[in-house]
Amino acid sequence: MKFHLAINLERMDQSMVMSDVTRHTLEMVQRADQGGFKIVWAAEHHALEMTIAPNPFQILTWWAQHTDSIRLGTAVAVAPYWNPINLAGEAAFTDLISGGRLEFGIGSGAYQREFDRMRPGLKQSDAWRYMNEMLPVLKALWAGDCEHDGEFWSFPIATSVPKPVQKPHPPIWVAARSPITFDYAVKQECNIMSWPLTRPFSEVELYKSLLDESLVANPDCVPQTFAIMRHTALYDTAAGRDTAVLAIQGALGQFENLFRNLGDVVNGFPKKIPLEDLVDREQYNPDMLEANLMFGSPDEVIAKLKRYEALGVDDFIYYASMGLGHKEQKHSLELFCSEVMPAFA
């Protein structure tokens, strides 16, 4: 099993100084690079302080200048927000200046709030159609001249300038949770990343079964890497456990606001929904969060990861941003590098 780091520049409230957030994020990425992580992922989000990522390629360019070997991924570039020529060129330029380290992740987007601002009139549930049209066009642009007359984009002959360093193009990842997206990713022979949110291990089993069904239905397609992302926090005391659970509960309260599209966002900060007001409150129970997420002591996390590995998960994505304090985030990552990763060497 290989390991990736997903981390955001994250401000949960106005008390957090942006320069501290920037420094902390880079230090986490550098520790992952030194610790042997395979990939670090940057998201794309807009007008939200809890995920400061207006252009993931700028973030990856920044990280590339301060790391040696870790690969640099978009998780994910949101297809409906881009023009294919622009997206192909941005990705190829990032691959060029990083020395061929780009991992290109694409997806359909998460929050209706963002669609209302970035692609007005588009429902989040329909955004997968944009991704399905975008990906073959990107491959054609990276290969050379092409023209396109599609449902969402049309343009005369054009090409990607520059071209990617990696041939025929950087590794491609698709964010998948639904059967239609798994099937599309398999047909396109893309790597797959899935995020079970706070749901139990049975959700991971469901995603693996969807992948297996798609592979059976498409026997000529070559299986690619299957990765699972989970919020991760390692600790070695009861106080550390309580701190991590409280942090994720607060962050999830803000996520619920965005998923429900309540519009209660002030100056980029979503209001936290009180736990007692959340639907499906058992998903926010401390014991369930600790059981379902990659929370625990190093030995407990190793046991959880072995279960994922036995299921057929190739890579694990350590999701570090979740409202946890910077000191606690660094301690968790250090425990993971020094005590967990050697068990999978």
Protein backbone atom coordinates (compact mmCIF):
# COMPACT_ATOMS: atom_id res chain seq x y z
CA MET A 1 0.00 0.00 0.00
CA LYS A 2 1.20 3.49 -0.93
CA PHE A 3 0.27 6.66 0.93
CA HIS A 4 -0.89 10.09 -0.20
CA LEU A 5 -1.51 13.32 1.71
CA ALA A 6 -4.52 15.57 1.06
CA ILE A 7 -4.23 18.90 2.80
CA ASN A 8 -5.95 22.25 2.50
CA LEU A 9 -5.02 25.77 3.38
CA GLU A 10 -7.70 26.01 6.03
CA ARG A 11 -9.09 28.79 8.22
CA MET A 12 -11.96 27.79 10.45
CA ASP A 13 -12.47 31.28 11.86
CA GLN A 14 -11.04 34.80 11.61
CA SER A 15 -8.61 34.28 14.50
CA MET A 16 -6.33 32.21 12.26
CA VAL A 17 -3.58 34.21 10.57
CA MET A 18 -3.15 33.42 6.88
CA SER A 19 0.65 33.49 7.05
CA ASP A 20 0.56 30.83 9.80
CA VAL A 21 -1.80 28.68 7.72
CA THR A 22 0.47 28.98 4.68
CA ARG A 23 3.62 28.08 6.62
CA HIS A 24 1.95 25.13 8.35
CA THR A 25 0.58 23.70 5.11
CA LEU A 26 3.97 23.80 3.41
CA GLU A 27 5.68 22.21 6.41
CA MET A 28 3.16 19.34 6.35
CA VAL A 29 3.80 18.80 2.64
CA GLN A 30 7.57 18.83 3.18
CA ARG A 31 7.27 16.27 6.00
CA ALA A 32 5.22 14.02 3.73
CA ASP A 33 7.88 14.39 1.04
CA GLN A 34 10.63 13.45 3.49
CA GLY A 35 8.53 10.61 4.92
CA GLY A 36 8.06 8.82 1.62
CA PHE A 37 4.50 9.74 0.72
CA LYS A 38 3.75 9.05 -2.95
CA ILE A 39 1.46 12.00 -3.78
CA VAL A 40 0.20 15.21 -2.17
CA TRP A 41 -3.20 16.51 -3.29
CA ALA A 42 -4.57 20.04 -3.61
CA ALA A 43 -8.30 20.71 -3.96
CA GLU A 44 -10.23 23.30 -5.95
CA HIS A 45 -12.79 25.37 -4.05
CA HIS A 46 -14.03 28.92 -4.30
CA ALA A 47 -15.00 31.63 -1.78
CA LEU A 48 -14.60 29.33 1.24
CA GLU A 49 -12.02 29.93 3.96
CA MET A 50 -12.14 26.32 5.15
CA THR A 51 -10.65 25.23 1.80
CA ILE A 52 -8.56 28.01 0.28
CA ALA A 53 -7.85 26.68 -3.21
CA PRO A 54 -8.98 28.95 -6.07
CA ASN A 55 -6.50 27.29 -8.45
CA PRO A 56 -4.97 23.92 -7.51
CA PHE A 57 -2.23 24.30 -10.11
CA GLN A 58 -0.88 27.40 -8.38
CA ILE A 59 -0.75 25.47 -5.12
CA LEU A 60 1.08 22.56 -6.76
CA THR A 61 3.56 24.95 -8.40
CA TRP A 62 4.31 26.39 -4.97
CA TRP A 63 4.77 22.96 -3.42
CA ALA A 64 6.94 21.80 -6.31
CA GLN A 65 9.48 24.52 -5.53
CA HIS A 66 9.87 23.28 -1.95
CA THR A 67 9.83 19.48 -2.34
CA ASP A 68 12.10 16.90 -3.92
CA SER A 69 10.26 13.80 -5.07
CA ILE A 70 6.65 13.71 -3.90
CA ARG A 71 4.19 13.77 -6.79
CA LEU A 72 1.70 16.61 -7.05
CA GLY A 73 -2.00 16.06 -7.66
CA THR A 74 -5.25 17.93 -8.19
CA ALA A 75 -8.02 16.49 -6.05
CA VAL A 76 -9.79 17.60 -7.97
CA ALA A 77 -9.97 20.07 -10.83
CA VAL A 78 -13.72 20.72 -11.12
CA ALA A 79 -14.60 20.14 -14.77
CA PRO A 80 -17.63 22.47 -15.09
CA TYR A 81 -15.59 25.48 -13.94
CA TRP A 82 -12.99 25.23 -16.73
CA ASN A 83 -12.59 25.63 -20.46
CA PRO A 84 -10.83 22.53 -21.84
CA ILE A 85 -8.05 24.52 -23.56
CA ASN A 86 -7.36 26.44 -20.36
CA LEU A 87 -7.39 23.31 -18.19
CA ALA A 88 -5.14 21.35 -20.56
CA GLY A 89 -2.59 24.17 -20.67
CA GLU A 90 -2.58 24.78 -16.89
CA ALA A 91 -2.08 21.07 -16.21
CA ALA A 92 0.65 20.69 -18.82
CA PHE A 93 2.52 23.75 -17.58
CA THR A 94 2.42 22.41 -14.02
CA ASP A 95 3.77 19.09 -15.27
CA LEU A 96 6.54 20.94 -17.10
CA ILE A 97 7.79 23.11 -14.24
CA SER A 98 7.50 20.30 -11.69
CA GLY A 99 9.72 18.01 -13.74
CA GLY A 100 6.92 15.62 -14.68
CA ARG A 101 5.44 15.17 -11.23
CA LEU A 102 1.79 16.01 -11.97
CA GLU A 103 -1.03 13.61 -11.11
CA PHE A 104 -4.16 14.95 -12.80
CA GLY A 105 -7.35 14.46 -10.79
CA ILE A 106 -10.69 15.54 -12.21
CA GLY A 107 -14.19 15.51 -10.77
CA SER A 108 -17.64 17.02 -11.00
CA GLY A 109 -17.66 19.22 -7.87
CA ALA A 110 -19.26 19.02 -4.46
CA TYR A 111 -21.24 22.04 -3.24
CA GLN A 112 -24.27 23.59 -4.92
CA ARG A 113 -23.18 26.89 -3.36
CA GLU A 114 -20.10 26.90 -5.57
CA PHE A 115 -22.06 25.99 -8.71
CA ASP A 116 -24.42 28.89 -8.04
CA ARG A 117 -21.41 31.20 -8.26
CA MET A 118 -19.05 29.47 -10.68
CA ARG A 119 -21.56 27.86 -13.07
CA PRO A 120 -24.96 29.48 -12.38
CA GLY A 121 -27.93 27.35 -13.33
CA LEU A 122 -26.08 24.02 -13.15
CA LYS A 123 -27.29 21.47 -10.62
CA GLN A 124 -24.53 19.60 -8.81
CA SER A 125 -26.26 16.32 -9.63
CA ASP A 126 -25.81 17.02 -13.37
CA ALA A 127 -22.16 18.08 -13.21
CA TRP A 128 -20.78 14.60 -13.99
CA ARG A 129 -21.84 15.13 -17.61
CA TYR A 130 -19.32 17.97 -17.90
CA MET A 131 -16.54 15.74 -16.59
CA ASN A 132 -17.47 12.99 -19.04
CA GLU A 133 -17.21 15.40 -21.98
CA MET A 134 -14.09 17.14 -20.68
CA LEU A 135 -11.72 14.22 -20.19
CA PRO A 136 -11.48 12.90 -23.79
CA VAL A 137 -11.02 16.49 -25.01
CA LEU A 138 -8.11 17.00 -22.63
CA LYS A 139 -6.41 13.86 -23.90
CA ALA A 140 -6.82 15.06 -27.48
CA LEU A 141 -5.45 18.54 -26.67
CA TRP A 142 -2.41 17.04 -24.93
CA ALA A 143 -1.78 14.87 -28.01
CA GLY A 144 -1.89 17.69 -30.59
CA ASP A 145 -4.32 19.70 -32.69
CA CYS A 146 -8.00 18.96 -32.27
CA GLU A 147 -11.34 20.65 -32.65
CA HIS A 148 -14.42 20.02 -30.58
CA ASP A 149 -18.15 20.50 -31.01
CA GLY A 150 -19.81 19.18 -27.90
CA GLU A 151 -22.79 19.76 -25.66
CA PHE A 152 -20.95 22.08 -23.27
CA TRP A 153 -17.88 23.31 -25.14
CA SER A 154 -17.06 24.00 -28.76
CA PHE A 155 -13.91 25.41 -30.32
CA PRO A 156 -12.01 25.36 -33.64
CA ILE A 157 -8.62 23.65 -34.02
CA ALA A 158 -6.44 24.16 -30.96
CA THR A 159 -3.88 22.30 -28.87
CA SER A 160 -2.38 22.33 -25.40
CA VAL A 161 0.53 24.73 -25.05
CA PRO A 162 2.79 23.62 -23.53
CA LYS A 163 2.58 19.85 -23.83
CA PRO A 164 2.94 17.66 -20.75
CA VAL A 165 6.35 16.22 -19.92
CA GLN A 166 4.80 12.82 -19.17
CA LYS A 167 3.71 10.88 -22.22
CA PRO A 168 1.09 10.51 -23.45
CA HIS A 169 -0.14 12.60 -20.51
CA PRO A 170 0.07 12.71 -16.70
CA PRO A 171 -1.63 9.91 -14.78
CA ILE A 172 -5.36 10.65 -14.62
CA TRP A 173 -7.53 10.19 -11.53
CA VAL A 174 -11.32 10.36 -11.33
CA ALA A 175 -13.20 11.09 -8.10
CA ALA A 176 -15.87 8.38 -7.96
CA ARG A 177 -18.67 7.37 -5.63
CA SER A 178 -21.59 6.52 -7.93
CA PRO A 179 -21.89 3.49 -10.25
CA ILE A 180 -21.95 5.65 -13.39
CA THR A 181 -18.69 7.37 -12.44
CA PHE A 182 -16.93 4.11 -11.58
CA ASP A 183 -17.99 2.72 -14.95
CA TYR A 184 -16.76 5.83 -16.76
CA ALA A 185 -13.40 5.80 -14.96
CA VAL A 186 -12.85 2.12 -15.77
CA LYS A 187 -13.69 2.66 -19.45
CA GLN A 188 -11.27 5.59 -19.60
CA GLU A 189 -8.64 3.46 -17.75
CA CYS A 190 -8.22 6.12 -15.07
CA ASN A 191 -7.09 5.73 -11.49
CA ILE A 192 -9.93 6.11 -8.99
CA MET A 193 -10.10 7.99 -5.70
CA SER A 194 -13.12 7.64 -3.42
CA TRP A 195 -14.10 9.39 -0.21
CA PRO A 196 -16.56 7.59 2.10
CA LEU A 197 -17.08 10.76 4.20
CA THR A 198 -17.79 9.63 7.79
CA ARG A 199 -19.56 6.42 6.79
CA PRO A 200 -18.47 2.99 8.08
CA PHE A 201 -16.19 0.46 6.42
CA SER A 202 -19.19 -1.00 4.61
CA GLU A 203 -19.13 2.11 2.41
CA VAL A 204 -15.57 1.26 1.34
CA GLU A 205 -16.74 -2.28 0.59
CA LEU A 206 -19.54 -0.81 -1.53
CA TYR A 207 -17.09 1.25 -3.59
CA LYS A 208 -14.87 -1.79 -4.12
CA SER A 209 -17.87 -3.80 -5.30
CA LEU A 210 -18.83 -1.04 -7.75
CA LEU A 211 -15.28 -1.05 -9.10
CA ASP A 212 -15.29 -4.85 -9.43
CA GLU A 213 -18.63 -4.78 -11.25
CA SER A 214 -17.32 -2.19 -13.71
CA LEU A 215 -14.20 -4.24 -14.37
CA VAL A 216 -16.28 -7.35 -15.04
CA ALA A 217 -18.49 -5.38 -17.42
CA ASN A 218 -15.43 -4.02 -19.25
CA PRO A 219 -13.00 -6.97 -19.44
CA ASP A 220 -10.74 -5.29 -22.00
CA CYS A 221 -9.96 -2.37 -19.67
CA VAL A 222 -6.78 -2.55 -17.60
CA PRO A 223 -7.36 -2.12 -13.83
CA GLN A 224 -5.76 1.02 -12.44
CA THR A 225 -4.98 2.25 -8.92
CA PHE A 226 -7.87 2.37 -6.43
CA ALA A 227 -7.38 4.82 -3.55
CA ILE A 228 -9.54 5.63 -0.54
CA MET A 229 -9.39 8.94 1.33
CA ARG A 230 -10.22 9.29 5.01
CA HIS A 231 -9.89 12.03 7.60
CA THR A 232 -6.87 10.94 9.62
CA ALA A 233 -5.66 11.76 13.12
CA LEU A 234 -3.19 9.75 15.18
CA TYR A 235 -2.80 10.32 18.90
CA ASP A 236 -1.27 8.60 21.88
CA THR A 237 -3.40 9.97 24.75
CA ALA A 238 -7.08 10.20 25.65
CA ALA A 239 -6.80 13.98 25.50
CA GLY A 240 -5.48 13.71 21.96
CA ARG A 241 -8.46 11.59 21.01
CA ASP A 242 -10.93 14.08 22.48
CA THR A 243 -9.24 16.99 20.71
CA ALA A 244 -9.36 15.23 17.34
CA VAL A 245 -13.03 14.23 17.69
CA LEU A 246 -14.10 17.74 18.72
CA ALA A 247 -12.19 19.20 15.78
CA ILE A 248 -13.81 16.91 13.22
CA GLN A 249 -17.26 17.49 14.71
CA GLY A 250 -16.80 21.24 14.27
CA ALA A 251 -15.53 20.87 10.71
CA LEU A 252 -18.39 18.53 9.82
CA GLY A 253 -20.86 21.07 11.14
CA GLN A 254 -19.54 23.50 8.53
CA PHE A 255 -19.61 20.81 5.82
CA GLU A 256 -23.27 20.11 6.59
CA ASN A 257 -24.03 23.79 6.06
CA LEU A 258 -22.42 23.62 2.60
CA PHE A 259 -23.96 20.27 1.61
CA ARG A 260 -27.42 21.59 2.53
CA ASN A 261 -26.69 24.87 0.71
CA LEU A 262 -28.14 26.87 3.59
CA GLY A 263 -26.41 30.05 2.43
CA ASP A 264 -25.29 30.84 5.96
CA VAL A 265 -21.74 31.84 5.00
CA VAL A 266 -20.29 35.14 6.19
CA ASN A 267 -17.09 36.51 4.64
CA GLY A 268 -16.16 33.01 3.49
CA PHE A 269 -16.79 31.26 6.82
CA PRO A 270 -19.69 28.76 6.91
CA LYS A 271 -21.63 28.79 10.14
CA LYS A 272 -21.30 25.57 12.13
CA ILE A 273 -24.55 23.66 12.48
CA PRO A 274 -24.94 22.52 16.13
CA LEU A 275 -24.58 18.77 16.53
CA GLU A 276 -28.05 18.49 18.02
CA ASP A 277 -29.49 19.92 14.79
CA LEU A 278 -27.70 17.55 12.42
CA VAL A 279 -29.56 14.84 10.53
CA ASP A 280 -28.27 11.30 10.99
CA ARG A 281 -26.64 12.35 14.22
CA GLU A 282 -25.21 8.88 14.81
CA GLN A 283 -22.67 9.73 12.08
CA TYR A 284 -21.28 12.38 14.43
CA ASN A 285 -21.14 10.25 17.54
CA PRO A 286 -17.55 10.31 18.93
CA ASP A 287 -17.26 6.52 19.10
CA MET A 288 -18.54 6.11 15.53
CA LEU A 289 -16.23 8.82 14.22
CA GLU A 290 -13.24 7.16 15.84
CA ALA A 291 -14.29 3.78 14.46
CA ASN A 292 -15.13 4.93 10.92
CA LEU A 293 -12.33 7.44 10.30
CA MET A 294 -8.59 6.76 10.34
CA PHE A 295 -8.41 7.87 13.98
CA GLY A 296 -6.49 6.12 16.74
CA SER A 297 -3.10 5.09 18.03
CA PRO A 298 -0.49 3.95 15.53
CA ASP A 299 -1.30 0.30 16.20
CA GLU A 300 -5.03 0.91 15.77
CA VAL A 301 -4.45 2.75 12.50
CA ILE A 302 -2.19 -0.03 11.21
CA ALA A 303 -4.96 -2.57 11.92
CA LYS A 304 -7.51 -0.44 10.08
CA LEU A 305 -5.23 0.02 7.08
CA LYS A 306 -4.52 -3.72 6.91
CA ARG A 307 -8.26 -4.24 6.56
CA TYR A 308 -8.38 -1.77 3.66
CA GLU A 309 -5.39 -3.47 2.06
CA ALA A 310 -6.99 -6.90 2.37
CA LEU A 311 -10.12 -5.58 0.66
CA GLY A 312 -8.08 -4.50 -2.36
CA VAL A 313 -7.46 -0.81 -1.72
CA ASP A 314 -4.15 0.00 -3.41
CA ASP A 315 -3.38 3.43 -1.93
CA PHE A 316 -4.58 5.33 1.13
CA ILE A 317 -5.10 9.11 1.12
CA TYR A 318 -4.40 10.69 4.51
CA TYR A 319 -6.80 13.66 4.74
CA ALA A 320 -5.18 16.05 7.19
CA SER A 321 -7.31 19.20 7.07
CA MET A 322 -10.26 19.05 9.44
CA GLY A 323 -10.04 21.90 11.93
CA LEU A 324 -7.38 20.21 14.04
CA GLY A 325 -4.74 22.50 15.53
CA HIS A 326 -1.42 22.82 13.71
CA LYS A 327 0.54 21.24 16.55
CA GLU A 328 -1.79 18.25 16.65
CA GLN A 329 -1.71 17.86 12.86
CA LYS A 330 2.08 17.71 12.87
CA HIS A 331 2.17 15.23 15.74
CA SER A 332 -0.30 13.00 13.91
CA LEU A 333 1.69 13.07 10.67
CA GLU A 334 4.91 12.35 12.53
CA LEU A 335 3.36 9.29 14.19
CA PHE A 336 2.10 8.12 10.81
CA CYS A 337 5.49 8.51 9.14
CA SER A 338 7.54 6.99 11.93
CA GLU A 339 5.25 4.22 13.22
CA VAL A 340 2.59 3.37 10.63
CA MET A 341 4.32 3.52 7.25
CA PRO A 342 7.15 1.10 8.22
CA ALA A 343 4.46 -1.59 8.69
CA PHE A 344 3.70 -1.33 4.95
CA ALA A 345 7.26 -0.94 3.66
